C-alpha atoms as a PDB file:
ATOM      1  CA  MET A   1       1.574 -23.662   1.985  1.00  0.00           C
ATOM      2  CA  ARG A   2      -1.552 -22.051   3.269  1.00  0.00           C
ATOM      3  CA  VAL A   3      -2.462 -18.547   1.468  1.00  0.00           C
ATOM      4  CA  ALA A   4      -4.902 -16.192   3.043  1.00  0.00           C
ATOM      5  CA  VAL A   5      -5.961 -13.616   0.510  1.00  0.00           C
ATOM      6  CA  VAL A   6      -7.427 -10.557   2.311  1.00  0.00           C
ATOM      7  CA  VAL A   7      -9.616  -7.998   0.670  1.00  0.00           C
ATOM      8  CA  VAL A   8     -10.812  -5.059   2.805  1.00  0.00           C
ATOM      9  CA  THR A   9     -13.668  -3.043   1.733  1.00  0.00           C
ATOM     10  CA  TRP A  10     -16.098  -0.215   2.452  1.00  0.00           C
ATOM     11  CA  ASN A  11     -19.042   0.485   0.645  1.00  0.00           C
ATOM     12  CA  ALA A  12     -18.021  -1.272  -2.624  1.00  0.00           C
ATOM     13  CA  LEU A  13     -19.954  -4.240  -3.151  1.00  0.00           C
ATOM     14  CA  GLY A  14     -19.519  -4.103  -6.936  1.00  0.00           C
ATOM     15  CA  LEU A  15     -16.182  -3.675  -6.932  1.00  0.00           C
ATOM     16  CA  THR A  16     -15.570  -6.505  -4.334  1.00  0.00           C
ATOM     17  CA  ARG A  17     -17.457  -8.864  -6.169  1.00  0.00           C
ATOM     18  CA  ARG A  18     -15.314  -8.202  -9.181  1.00  0.00           C
ATOM     19  CA  CYS A  19     -12.085  -8.374  -7.321  1.00  0.00           C
ATOM     20  CA  LEU A  20     -13.161 -12.155  -5.745  1.00  0.00           C
ATOM     21  CA  GLN A  21     -14.194 -13.307  -8.999  1.00  0.00           C
ATOM     22  CA  SER A  22     -10.581 -12.725 -10.303  1.00  0.00           C
ATOM     23  CA  LEU A  23      -9.389 -14.502  -7.417  1.00  0.00           C
ATOM     24  CA  ARG A  24     -11.419 -17.538  -7.831  1.00  0.00           C
ATOM     25  CA  ASP A  25     -10.150 -17.776 -11.590  1.00  0.00           C
ATOM     26  CA  GLN A  26      -6.698 -18.222 -10.055  1.00  0.00           C
ATOM     27  CA  GLN A  27      -4.995 -21.336 -10.594  1.00  0.00           C
ATOM     28  CA  VAL A  28      -2.098 -22.244  -7.803  1.00  0.00           C
ATOM     29  CA  PRO A  29       0.396 -25.359  -7.450  1.00  0.00           C
ATOM     30  CA  ALA A  30      -0.732 -28.446  -5.940  1.00  0.00           C
ATOM     31  CA  GLY A  31      -0.648 -28.271  -2.058  1.00  0.00           C
ATOM     32  CA  THR A  32      -1.405 -24.665  -2.056  1.00  0.00           C
ATOM     33  CA  GLN A  33      -4.716 -24.040   0.109  1.00  0.00           C
ATOM     34  CA  VAL A  34      -6.077 -20.557  -0.577  1.00  0.00           C
ATOM     35  CA  GLN A  35      -8.725 -18.802   1.671  1.00  0.00           C
ATOM     36  CA  LEU A  36     -10.712 -15.891   0.557  1.00  0.00           C
ATOM     37  CA  VAL A  37     -11.175 -13.439   3.412  1.00  0.00           C
ATOM     38  CA  VAL A  38     -13.310 -10.262   2.954  1.00  0.00           C
ATOM     39  CA  VAL A  39     -13.205  -7.549   5.910  1.00  0.00           C
ATOM     40  CA  ASP A  40     -16.070  -5.545   5.577  1.00  0.00           C
ATOM     41  CA  ASN A  41     -15.581  -2.072   7.395  1.00  0.00           C
ATOM     42  CA  GLY A  42     -19.082  -1.355   8.491  1.00  0.00           C
ATOM     43  CA  SER A  43     -20.408  -0.922   4.930  1.00  0.00           C
ATOM     44  CA  GLN A  44     -24.022   0.689   4.601  1.00  0.00           C
ATOM     45  CA  ASP A  45     -24.474  -0.673   1.082  1.00  0.00           C
ATOM     46  CA  GLY A  46     -25.399  -4.431   2.041  1.00  0.00           C
ATOM     47  CA  THR A  47     -21.837  -5.749   1.266  1.00  0.00           C
ATOM     48  CA  ALA A  48     -21.881  -8.095   4.642  1.00  0.00           C
ATOM     49  CA  ALA A  49     -25.531  -9.444   3.860  1.00  0.00           C
ATOM     50  CA  ALA A  50     -24.678 -10.232   0.311  1.00  0.00           C
ATOM     51  CA  LEU A  51     -21.456 -12.019   1.180  1.00  0.00           C
ATOM     52  CA  ARG A  52     -22.143 -13.845   4.109  1.00  0.00           C
ATOM     53  CA  ASP A  53     -23.695 -16.909   2.324  1.00  0.00           C
ATOM     54  CA  GLU A  54     -20.565 -17.116  -0.175  1.00  0.00           C
ATOM     55  CA  PRO A  55     -19.332 -20.678   0.699  1.00  0.00           C
ATOM     56  CA  ASP A  56     -15.886 -19.769  -0.367  1.00  0.00           C
ATOM     57  CA  VAL A  57     -15.457 -16.542   1.414  1.00  0.00           C
ATOM     58  CA  LEU A  58     -14.530 -15.754   5.048  1.00  0.00           C
ATOM     59  CA  LEU A  59     -16.470 -12.769   6.065  1.00  0.00           C
ATOM     60  CA  VAL A  60     -15.189 -10.548   8.582  1.00  0.00           C
ATOM     61  CA  ALA A  61     -17.797  -7.908   9.465  1.00  0.00           C
ATOM     62  CA  LEU A  62     -16.811  -5.028  11.558  1.00  0.00           C
ATOM     63  CA  PRO A  63     -19.226  -2.537  13.164  1.00  0.00           C
ATOM     64  CA  ASP A  64     -17.550   0.301  11.868  1.00  0.00           C
ATOM     65  CA  ASN A  65     -14.800   1.536   9.434  1.00  0.00           C
ATOM     66  CA  ARG A  66     -11.301   0.758  11.000  1.00  0.00           C
ATOM     67  CA  GLY A  67      -9.589   1.891   8.099  1.00  0.00           C
ATOM     68  CA  PHE A  68      -7.158  -0.529   5.851  1.00  0.00           C
ATOM     69  CA  GLY A  69      -4.763  -1.412   8.559  1.00  0.00           C
ATOM     70  CA  GLY A  70      -7.328  -1.877  11.070  1.00  0.00           C
ATOM     71  CA  GLY A  71      -9.331  -4.198   8.484  1.00  0.00           C
ATOM     72  CA  VAL A  72      -6.445  -6.363   7.770  1.00  0.00           C
ATOM     73  CA  ASN A  73      -5.288  -6.807  11.391  1.00  0.00           C
ATOM     74  CA  ALA A  74      -9.038  -8.225  12.006  1.00  0.00           C
ATOM     75  CA  ALA A  75      -8.139 -10.788   9.268  1.00  0.00           C
ATOM     76  CA  LEU A  76      -4.832 -11.830  10.829  1.00  0.00           C
ATOM     77  CA  ARG A  77      -6.624 -12.440  14.305  1.00  0.00           C
ATOM     78  CA  VAL A  78      -8.898 -15.093  12.641  1.00  0.00           C
ATOM     79  CA  THR A  79      -6.561 -16.840  10.035  1.00  0.00           C
ATOM     80  CA  SER A  80      -3.589 -18.782  10.595  1.00  0.00           C
ATOM     81  CA  SER A  81      -2.228 -19.087   7.228  1.00  0.00           C
ATOM     82  CA  ASP A  82       1.587 -19.284   6.278  1.00  0.00           C
ATOM     83  CA  VAL A  83       1.549 -16.130   3.840  1.00  0.00           C
ATOM     84  CA  VAL A  84      -1.046 -13.340   3.824  1.00  0.00           C
ATOM     85  CA  VAL A  85      -1.902 -11.721   0.185  1.00  0.00           C
ATOM     86  CA  LEU A  86      -3.408  -8.232   0.316  1.00  0.00           C
ATOM     87  CA  LEU A  87      -5.574  -7.018  -2.983  1.00  0.00           C
ATOM     88  CA  ASN A  88      -7.152  -3.944  -3.211  1.00  0.00           C
ATOM     89  CA  ASN A  89     -11.036  -4.354  -3.603  1.00  0.00           C
ATOM     90  CA  ASP A  90     -11.054  -1.994  -6.822  1.00  0.00           C
ATOM     91  CA  ALA A  91      -8.503  -4.264  -8.655  1.00  0.00           C
ATOM     92  CA  VAL A  92      -8.493  -7.241 -10.754  1.00  0.00           C
ATOM     93  CA  ALA A  93      -5.745  -9.904 -10.477  1.00  0.00           C
ATOM     94  CA  GLU A  94      -4.453 -11.158 -13.822  1.00  0.00           C
ATOM     95  CA  PRO A  95      -3.964 -14.853 -14.424  1.00  0.00           C
ATOM     96  CA  GLY A  96      -0.776 -16.221 -12.628  1.00  0.00           C
ATOM     97  CA  PHE A  97      -0.862 -13.327  -9.921  1.00  0.00           C
ATOM     98  CA  LEU A  98      -1.295 -15.382  -6.966  1.00  0.00           C
ATOM     99  CA  ALA A  99       0.960 -18.250  -8.025  1.00  0.00           C
ATOM    100  CA  HIS A 100       3.592 -15.926  -9.150  1.00  0.00           C
ATOM    101  CA  LEU A 101       3.082 -13.751  -5.995  1.00  0.00           C
ATOM    102  CA  VAL A 102       3.730 -16.332  -3.434  1.00  0.00           C
ATOM    103  CA  ALA A 103       6.096 -18.656  -5.087  1.00  0.00           C
ATOM    104  CA  PRO A 104       9.115 -17.054  -3.520  1.00  0.00           C
ATOM    105  CA  PHE A 105       8.274 -18.007  -0.265  1.00  0.00           C
ATOM    106  CA  GLY A 106       8.394 -21.533  -0.955  1.00  0.00           C
ATOM    107  CA  ALA A 107      11.941 -21.116  -2.563  1.00  0.00           C
ATOM    108  CA  GLY A 108      13.888 -21.103   0.712  1.00  0.00           C
ATOM    109  CA  THR A 109      14.784 -17.566   0.639  1.00  0.00           C
ATOM    110  CA  PRO A 110      16.124 -16.532   3.787  1.00  0.00           C
ATOM    111  CA  ARG A 111      14.376 -13.421   5.834  1.00  0.00           C
ATOM    112  CA  LEU A 112      11.867 -12.694   3.067  1.00  0.00           C
ATOM    113  CA  GLY A 113       9.271 -10.462   4.813  1.00  0.00           C
ATOM    114  CA  ALA A 114       7.183  -9.678   1.740  1.00  0.00           C
ATOM    115  CA  THR A 115       6.731  -9.637  -1.963  1.00  0.00           C
ATOM    116  CA  THR A 116       4.974  -6.898  -3.946  1.00  0.00           C
ATOM    117  CA  GLY A 117       3.725  -7.233  -7.499  1.00  0.00           C
ATOM    118  CA  LEU A 118       3.128  -5.187 -10.696  1.00  0.00           C
ATOM    119  CA  VAL A 119       0.231  -2.980 -10.448  1.00  0.00           C
ATOM    120  CA  LEU A 120      -0.881  -1.464 -13.893  1.00  0.00           C
ATOM    121  CA  LEU A 121      -3.582   1.162 -13.987  1.00  0.00           C
ATOM    122  CA  SER A 122      -6.770   0.164 -15.613  1.00  0.00           C
ATOM    123  CA  GLY A 123      -7.421   1.873 -19.188  1.00  0.00           C
ATOM    124  CA  SER A 124      -5.121   3.419 -21.480  1.00  0.00           C
ATOM    125  CA  PHE A 125      -3.474   6.743 -21.648  1.00  0.00           C
ATOM    126  CA  VAL A 126      -2.290   9.289 -23.886  1.00  0.00           C
ATOM    127  CA  PRO A 127      -0.033  12.617 -23.134  1.00  0.00           C
ATOM    128  CA  ALA A 128      -2.055  14.961 -21.916  1.00  0.00           C
ATOM    129  CA  GLY A 129      -2.949  18.467 -23.211  1.00  0.00           C
ATOM    130  CA  PRO A 130      -2.779  21.819 -21.475  1.00  0.00           C
ATOM    131  CA  GLY A 131      -5.468  22.702 -19.032  1.00  0.00           C
ATOM    132  CA  GLY A 132      -7.253  19.295 -19.220  1.00  0.00           C
ATOM    133  CA  PRO A 133      -7.445  16.581 -16.512  1.00  0.00           C
ATOM    134  CA  ALA A 134      -4.063  14.834 -15.892  1.00  0.00           C
ATOM    135  CA  LEU A 135      -1.881  12.446 -13.889  1.00  0.00           C
ATOM    136  CA  VAL A 136       1.505  13.315 -13.410  1.00  0.00           C
ATOM    137  CA  GLY A 137       4.310  11.202 -13.056  1.00  0.00           C
ATOM    138  CA  HIS A 138       7.653  11.308 -11.118  1.00  0.00           C
ATOM    139  CA  ASP A 139       9.350  12.285 -14.214  1.00  0.00           C
ATOM    140  CA  GLY A 140       6.990  15.240 -14.617  1.00  0.00           C
ATOM    141  CA  ARG A 141       4.928  13.888 -17.691  1.00  0.00           C
ATOM    142  CA  SER A 142       1.367  14.461 -17.769  1.00  0.00           C
ATOM    143  CA  TRP A 143      -1.260  11.492 -18.954  1.00  0.00           C
ATOM    144  CA  THR A 144      -5.085  11.517 -19.492  1.00  0.00           C
ATOM    145  CA  ARG A 145      -7.185   8.615 -20.105  1.00  0.00           C
ATOM    146  CA  ALA A 146      -8.002   7.936 -23.643  1.00  0.00           C
ATOM    147  CA  GLU A 147      -9.695   4.976 -25.548  1.00  0.00           C
ATOM    148  CA  HIS A 148      -6.593   4.078 -27.488  1.00  0.00           C
ATOM    149  CA  GLY A 149      -3.130   4.693 -25.749  1.00  0.00           C
ATOM    150  CA  VAL A 150      -0.584   3.003 -23.666  1.00  0.00           C
ATOM    151  CA  ARG A 151      -0.904   1.316 -20.322  1.00  0.00           C
ATOM    152  CA  LEU A 152       0.746   2.778 -17.503  1.00  0.00           C
ATOM    153  CA  VAL A 153       2.100   1.408 -13.887  1.00  0.00           C
ATOM    154  CA  ASN A 154       0.740   2.189 -11.003  1.00  0.00           C
ATOM    155  CA  SER A 155       3.433   0.612  -8.601  1.00  0.00           C
ATOM    156  CA  THR A 156       6.447  -1.727  -8.530  1.00  0.00           C
ATOM    157  CA  GLY A 157       6.472  -1.204  -5.049  1.00  0.00           C
ATOM    158  CA  ASN A 158       6.639   1.460  -2.429  1.00  0.00           C
ATOM    159  CA  GLU A 159       9.583   3.864  -2.429  1.00  0.00           C
ATOM    160  CA  LEU A 160      10.463   6.809   0.030  1.00  0.00           C
ATOM    161  CA  THR A 161      12.135  10.330  -0.960  1.00  0.00           C
ATOM    162  CA  ARG A 162      14.847  12.041   1.086  1.00  0.00           C
ATOM    163  CA  SER A 163      12.098  14.337   2.444  1.00  0.00           C
ATOM    164  CA  GLY A 164       9.998  11.477   3.567  1.00  0.00           C
ATOM    165  CA  ASN A 165       7.409  11.365   0.648  1.00  0.00           C
ATOM    166  CA  GLY A 166       6.213   7.896  -0.008  1.00  0.00           C
ATOM    167  CA  ARG A 167       5.252   6.914  -3.272  1.00  0.00           C
ATOM    168  CA  ASP A 168       4.554   4.212  -5.847  1.00  0.00           C
ATOM    169  CA  ARG A 169       7.649   3.075  -7.563  1.00  0.00           C
ATOM    170  CA  ASP A 170       7.520   3.735 -11.294  1.00  0.00           C
ATOM    171  CA  TRP A 171       4.202   5.809 -11.118  1.00  0.00           C
ATOM    172  CA  LEU A 172       2.791   6.572 -14.430  1.00  0.00           C
ATOM    173  CA  ARG A 173       5.751   5.069 -16.485  1.00  0.00           C
ATOM    174  CA  PRO A 174       4.652   3.113 -19.773  1.00  0.00           C
ATOM    175  CA  ALA A 175       4.234  -0.425 -18.875  1.00  0.00           C
ATOM    176  CA  GLY A 176       6.767  -1.493 -21.649  1.00  0.00           C
ATOM    177  CA  SER A 177       9.426   0.368 -20.464  1.00  0.00           C
ATOM    178  CA  VAL A 178       9.479  -0.771 -16.925  1.00  0.00           C
ATOM    179  CA  SER A 179      12.358  -3.184 -15.950  1.00  0.00           C
ATOM    180  CA  ALA A 180      12.215  -2.772 -12.001  1.00  0.00           C
ATOM    181  CA  ALA A 181      14.943  -4.086  -9.789  1.00  0.00           C
ATOM    182  CA  PRO A 182      13.955  -6.976  -7.569  1.00  0.00           C
ATOM    183  CA  GLU A 183      14.822  -5.021  -4.157  1.00  0.00           C
ATOM    184  CA  VAL A 184      12.464  -2.186  -3.452  1.00  0.00           C
ATOM    185  CA  PHE A 185      12.074  -0.297   0.122  1.00  0.00           C
ATOM    186  CA  GLY A 186       8.410  -1.351   0.812  1.00  0.00           C
ATOM    187  CA  PHE A 187       5.465  -3.114  -0.536  1.00  0.00           C
ATOM    188  CA  ASN A 188       2.241  -1.819  -1.914  1.00  0.00           C
ATOM    189  CA  GLY A 189      -0.377  -2.587   0.573  1.00  0.00           C
ATOM    190  CA  GLY A 190      -2.813  -3.277  -2.426  1.00  0.00           C
ATOM    191  CA  CYS A 191      -0.646  -6.037  -4.224  1.00  0.00           C
ATOM    192  CA  ALA A 192       1.398  -7.630  -1.640  1.00  0.00           C
ATOM    193  CA  ALA A 193       2.053 -10.902   0.092  1.00  0.00           C
ATOM    194  CA  LEU A 194       3.502 -11.194   3.860  1.00  0.00           C
ATOM    195  CA  SER A 195       5.269 -13.626   5.435  1.00  0.00           C
ATOM    196  CA  ARG A 196       3.327 -14.687   8.729  1.00  0.00           C
ATOM    197  CA  ALA A 197       6.528 -15.366  10.364  1.00  0.00           C
ATOM    198  CA  ALA A 198       7.407 -11.798   9.662  1.00  0.00           C
ATOM    199  CA  LEU A 199       4.288 -10.361  11.029  1.00  0.00           C
ATOM    200  CA  ASP A 200       4.665 -12.436  14.186  1.00  0.00           C
ATOM    201  CA  ASP A 201       7.932 -10.903  14.450  1.00  0.00           C
ATOM    202  CA  VAL A 202       7.308  -7.326  14.054  1.00  0.00           C
ATOM    203  CA  GLY A 203       3.515  -7.148  14.335  1.00  0.00           C
ATOM    204  CA  GLY A 204       0.589  -5.991  12.086  1.00  0.00           C
ATOM    205  CA  PHE A 205      -0.479  -2.710  10.855  1.00  0.00           C
ATOM    206  CA  ALA A 206      -0.473   0.597  12.847  1.00  0.00           C
ATOM    207  CA  GLU A 207      -4.026   1.240  13.173  1.00  0.00           C
ATOM    208  CA  PRO A 208      -3.837   4.928  14.111  1.00  0.00           C
ATOM    209  CA  LEU A 209      -2.684   5.803  10.704  1.00  0.00           C
ATOM    210  CA  PHE A 210      -6.141   4.671   9.452  1.00  0.00           C
ATOM    211  CA  MET A 211      -5.215   4.837   5.911  1.00  0.00           C
ATOM    212  CA  TYR A 212      -2.202   5.271   3.683  1.00  0.00           C
ATOM    213  CA  TYR A 213       1.177   5.160   4.569  1.00  0.00           C
ATOM    214  CA  GLU A 214       0.457   2.290   6.693  1.00  0.00           C
ATOM    215  CA  ASP A 215       2.256   0.080   4.319  1.00  0.00           C
ATOM    216  CA  THR A 216       5.384   2.103   4.387  1.00  0.00           C
ATOM    217  CA  GLU A 217       5.451   2.226   8.037  1.00  0.00           C
ATOM    218  CA  LEU A 218       5.132  -1.605   8.201  1.00  0.00           C
ATOM    219  CA  SER A 219       7.892  -1.779   5.708  1.00  0.00           C
ATOM    220  CA  TRP A 220      10.136   0.355   7.997  1.00  0.00           C
ATOM    221  CA  ARG A 221       9.818  -2.323  10.727  1.00  0.00           C
ATOM    222  CA  LEU A 222      10.184  -5.201   8.554  1.00  0.00           C
ATOM    223  CA  ARG A 223      13.752  -3.576   7.205  1.00  0.00           C
ATOM    224  CA  ARG A 224      14.606  -2.689  10.743  1.00  0.00           C
ATOM    225  CA  ARG A 225      14.210  -6.549  11.683  1.00  0.00           C
ATOM    226  CA  GLY A 226      16.175  -7.738   8.938  1.00  0.00           C
ATOM    227  CA  TRP A 227      13.487  -8.741   6.589  1.00  0.00           C
ATOM    228  CA  ASP A 228      13.447  -8.243   2.932  1.00  0.00           C
ATOM    229  CA  VAL A 229      10.955  -7.216   0.357  1.00  0.00           C
ATOM    230  CA  GLN A 230      10.867  -8.582  -3.057  1.00  0.00           C
ATOM    231  CA  HIS A 231       9.208  -6.999  -6.202  1.00  0.00           C
ATOM    232  CA  VAL A 232       7.699 -10.086  -8.402  1.00  0.00           C
ATOM    233  CA  PRO A 233       6.727  -8.568 -11.941  1.00  0.00           C
ATOM    234  CA  GLU A 234       5.091 -11.770 -13.074  1.00  0.00           C
ATOM    235  CA  ALA A 235       2.399 -10.821 -10.278  1.00  0.00           C
ATOM    236  CA  VAL A 236       0.044  -8.373 -12.172  1.00  0.00           C
ATOM    237  CA  THR A 237      -2.977  -6.892 -11.206  1.00  0.00           C
ATOM    238  CA  LEU A 238      -5.305  -3.837 -12.734  1.00  0.00           C
ATOM    239  CA  HIS A 239      -6.092  -1.248 -10.432  1.00  0.00           C
ATOM    240  CA  ASP A 240      -8.818   1.409 -10.581  1.00  0.00           C
ATOM    241  CA  HIS A 241      -6.721   3.931  -9.129  1.00  0.00           C
ATOM    242  CA  ALA A 242      -8.229   5.679  -5.721  1.00  0.00           C
ATOM    243  CA  ALA A 243     -11.759   4.445  -6.768  1.00  0.00           C
ATOM    244  CA  SER A 244     -12.497   4.278  -3.014  1.00  0.00           C
ATOM    245  CA  SER A 245     -11.332   7.669  -1.936  1.00  0.00           C
ATOM    246  CA  GLY A 246     -10.041   9.646  -4.917  1.00  0.00           C
ATOM    247  CA  THR A 247      -6.768  11.251  -5.009  1.00  0.00           C
ATOM    248  CA  ALA A 248      -8.093  14.844  -4.875  1.00  0.00           C
ATOM    249  CA  SER A 249     -10.689  14.298  -2.086  1.00  0.00           C
ATOM    250  CA  ALA A 250      -9.811  16.198   1.272  1.00  0.00           C
ATOM    251  CA  PHE A 251      -9.826  12.626   3.035  1.00  0.00           C
ATOM    252  CA  PHE A 252      -6.981  11.288   0.821  1.00  0.00           C
ATOM    253  CA  LEU A 253      -4.915  14.612   0.993  1.00  0.00           C
ATOM    254  CA  ASP A 254      -5.280  15.216   4.767  1.00  0.00           C
ATOM    255  CA  HIS A 255      -4.457  11.631   5.680  1.00  0.00           C
ATOM    256  CA  ASN A 256      -1.551  11.449   3.005  1.00  0.00           C
ATOM    257  CA  GLU A 257      -0.011  14.592   4.388  1.00  0.00           C
ATOM    258  CA  ARG A 258      -0.646  13.930   8.125  1.00  0.00           C
ATOM    259  CA  ASN A 259       0.912  10.256   7.856  1.00  0.00           C
ATOM    260  CA  ARG A 260       3.737  11.132   5.899  1.00  0.00           C
ATOM    261  CA  ILE A 261       5.076  13.018   8.893  1.00  0.00           C
ATOM    262  CA  LEU A 262       4.050  10.654  11.332  1.00  0.00           C
ATOM    263  CA  VAL A 263       5.849   8.014   9.872  1.00  0.00           C
ATOM    264  CA  CYS A 264       9.046  10.214   9.511  1.00  0.00           C
ATOM    265  CA  LEU A 265       8.709  11.006  13.167  1.00  0.00           C
ATOM    266  CA  ILE A 266       8.562   7.207  14.057  1.00  0.00           C
ATOM    267  CA  HIS A 267      11.111   5.731  11.534  1.00  0.00           C
ATOM    268  CA  ALA A 268      13.209   8.286   9.613  1.00  0.00           C
ATOM    269  CA  PRO A 269      16.498   9.716  10.340  1.00  0.00           C
ATOM    270  CA  TRP A 270      16.274  12.976  11.778  1.00  0.00           C
ATOM    271  CA  ALA A 271      17.171  14.976   8.736  1.00  0.00           C
ATOM    272  CA  VAL A 272      14.753  13.383   6.307  1.00  0.00           C
ATOM    273  CA  THR A 273      12.291  14.404   9.299  1.00  0.00           C
ATOM    274  CA  LEU A 274      13.059  17.999   9.447  1.00  0.00           C
ATOM    275  CA  ARG A 275      13.135  18.205   5.672  1.00  0.00           C
ATOM    276  CA  ALA A 276       9.508  16.911   5.912  1.00  0.00           C
ATOM    277  CA  LEU A 277       8.327  19.098   8.433  1.00  0.00           C
ATOM    278  CA  ALA A 278       9.983  22.012   6.309  1.00  0.00           C
ATOM    279  CA  ARG A 279       8.228  21.239   3.058  1.00  0.00           C
ATOM    280  CA  THR A 280       4.729  21.037   4.828  1.00  0.00           C
ATOM    281  CA  ALA A 281       5.553  24.393   6.619  1.00  0.00           C
ATOM    282  CA  VAL A 282       6.295  25.977   3.420  1.00  0.00           C
ATOM    283  CA  ARG A 283       3.155  24.670   1.924  1.00  0.00           C
ATOM    284  CA  VAL A 284       1.088  25.765   4.655  1.00  0.00           C
ATOM    285  CA  THR A 285       2.447  29.458   4.207  1.00  0.00           C
ATOM    286  CA  VAL A 286       2.790  29.827   0.550  1.00  0.00           C
ATOM    287  CA  GLY A 287       1.129  27.061  -1.075  1.00  0.00           C
ATOM    288  CA  PRO A 288      -2.433  26.402  -2.279  1.00  0.00           C
ATOM    289  CA  GLN A 289      -5.116  25.002   0.397  1.00  0.00           C
ATOM    290  CA  ARG A 290      -3.108  26.428   3.148  1.00  0.00           C
ATOM    291  CA  GLY A 291      -5.965  25.831   5.656  1.00  0.00           C
ATOM    292  CA  ARG A 292      -6.375  22.094   5.012  1.00  0.00           C
ATOM    293  CA  ARG A 293      -2.532  21.784   5.056  1.00  0.00           C
ATOM    294  CA  ALA A 294      -2.494  23.676   8.253  1.00  0.00           C
ATOM    295  CA  ARG A 295      -5.204  20.932   9.841  1.00  0.00           C
ATOM    296  CA  ALA A 296      -3.238  18.320   8.464  1.00  0.00           C
ATOM    297  CA  LEU A 297       0.149  19.780  10.107  1.00  0.00           C
ATOM    298  CA  LEU A 298      -1.787  20.279  13.255  1.00  0.00           C
ATOM    299  CA  GLY A 299      -3.040  16.528  13.383  1.00  0.00           C
ATOM    300  CA  ALA A 300       0.279  15.341  12.986  1.00  0.00           C
ATOM    301  CA  LEU A 301       1.582  17.340  15.522  1.00  0.00           C
ATOM    302  CA  ALA A 302      -1.075  16.280  17.929  1.00  0.00           C
ATOM    303  CA  ARG A 303      -0.029  12.853  17.407  1.00  0.00           C
ATOM    304  CA  ALA A 304       3.537  13.263  17.622  1.00  0.00           C
ATOM    305  CA  PRO A 305       3.907  11.779  21.216  1.00  0.00           C
ATOM    306  CA  TRP A 306       2.263   8.428  19.967  1.00  0.00           C
ATOM    307  CA  ALA A 307       4.854   8.560  17.131  1.00  0.00           C
ATOM    308  CA  LEU A 308       7.680   9.180  19.375  1.00  0.00           C
ATOM    309  CA  ARG A 309       6.786   6.495  21.756  1.00  0.00           C
ATOM    310  CA  ARG A 310       6.484   4.190  18.796  1.00  0.00           C
ATOM    311  CA  ARG A 311       9.763   5.129  17.495  1.00  0.00           C
ATOM    312  CA  TRP A 312      11.629   4.345  20.976  1.00  0.00           C
ATOM    313  CA  ALA A 313       9.553   1.172  20.978  1.00  0.00           C
ATOM    314  CA  VAL A 314      11.043   0.260  17.340  1.00  0.00           C
ATOM    315  CA  ASP A 315      14.714   0.947  17.988  1.00  0.00           C
ATOM    316  CA  ARG A 316      14.539  -1.039  21.196  1.00  0.00           C
ATOM    317  CA  THR A 317      13.808  -4.002  19.233  1.00  0.00           C
ATOM    318  CA  ALA A 318      15.501  -3.449  15.953  1.00  0.00           C
ATOM    319  CA  THR A 319      18.427  -5.450  14.413  1.00  0.00           C
ATOM    320  CA  VAL A 320      19.145  -3.454  11.564  1.00  0.00           C
ATOM    321  CA  ALA A 321      20.384   0.162  12.109  1.00  0.00           C
ATOM    322  CA  ARG A 322      18.040   3.008  10.812  1.00  0.00           C
ATOM    323  CA  GLY A 323      20.701   3.896   8.344  1.00  0.00           C
ATOM    324  CA  VAL A 324      20.571   0.629   6.385  1.00  0.00           C
ATOM    325  CA  PRO A 325      16.757   1.015   5.070  1.00  0.00           C
ATOM    326  CA  ALA A 326      17.689   4.631   4.785  1.00  0.00           C
ATOM    327  CA  ALA A 327      20.215   4.014   2.398  1.00  0.00           C
ATOM    328  CA  LEU A 328      17.345   2.802  -0.065  1.00  0.00           C
ATOM    329  CA  LEU A 329      15.565   6.322  -0.003  1.00  0.00           C
ATOM    330  CA  VAL A 330      15.622   8.157  -3.808  1.00  0.00           C
ATOM    331  CA  PRO A 331      15.658  11.778  -4.696  1.00  0.00           C
ATOM    332  CA  ASP A 332      12.941  13.849  -4.719  1.00  0.00           C
ATOM    333  CA  GLY A 333      12.155  14.284  -8.209  1.00  0.00           C
ATOM    334  CA  ALA A 334       9.174  16.186 -10.241  1.00  0.00           C
ATOM    335  CA  GLY A 335       5.687  14.838  -9.228  1.00  0.00           C
ATOM    336  CA  SER A 336       6.896  13.791  -5.506  1.00  0.00           C
END
């Protein structure tokens, strides 16, 4: 089996080197050929120059920042592996990660389009007190970092709620309490393996999304063509969550809000899309950061013609009715 491991980076040389070292330390079964691929999205910190002479790294140096999807697509064009593994540059692969993540593709599993691993947050956490900085889980519990605490789950794959909100399954659940089902709606783009045959069938990432929701959008296309997504809990990474952009940054919030609506327009049942639009409209009217949210909504509406053309294109080639993957949508809960 030929495996290309793709790491997309932008101005994060130190993180990328740490990530690459964790991949070099992986042990894989005999007969597995591993190629390390780094896509540099026009970094200004010397990443391309520093990695150009690494003998075990295929460097794809882009002249500008084309986002996560654009970066992965650039790697797809210069590789020909059977399986493409995606790993965030701000993550570290635990021992056995690579072997476990790609093993299902050699098991003769029909129509396996993607596997997605177990992403743990780096560091440890304790329940948050009032007024302090905190991360909030889907169950409403708040957590803050601490020197001594519990390890929390970042993701066991991507799930989609009935108002079109894409999110990490099992977000902020204590690691020891998670027993995630093998089937999950979509893969987490920072910890996944994709079948080249599936990618050839449905195409690569939607580059106009630039960043965020691009893995959910591709998961929809896989599902509509009858490809499955499987969670592999033994494939573990440690992730510095949002080290590159930050979950409170305007960049993250704007792209997250805009792309949620666009992906609904492309793929979701109309009832889900209407709920997504209504949710955003309410937040624009009465919620915090109304100006920023209004700009995100206007950005989505400006791109609506592209999204609708893509919807019709997906429908023309789909072999699975929209309602089949939509049956995997979950209720909106606290923290969603």
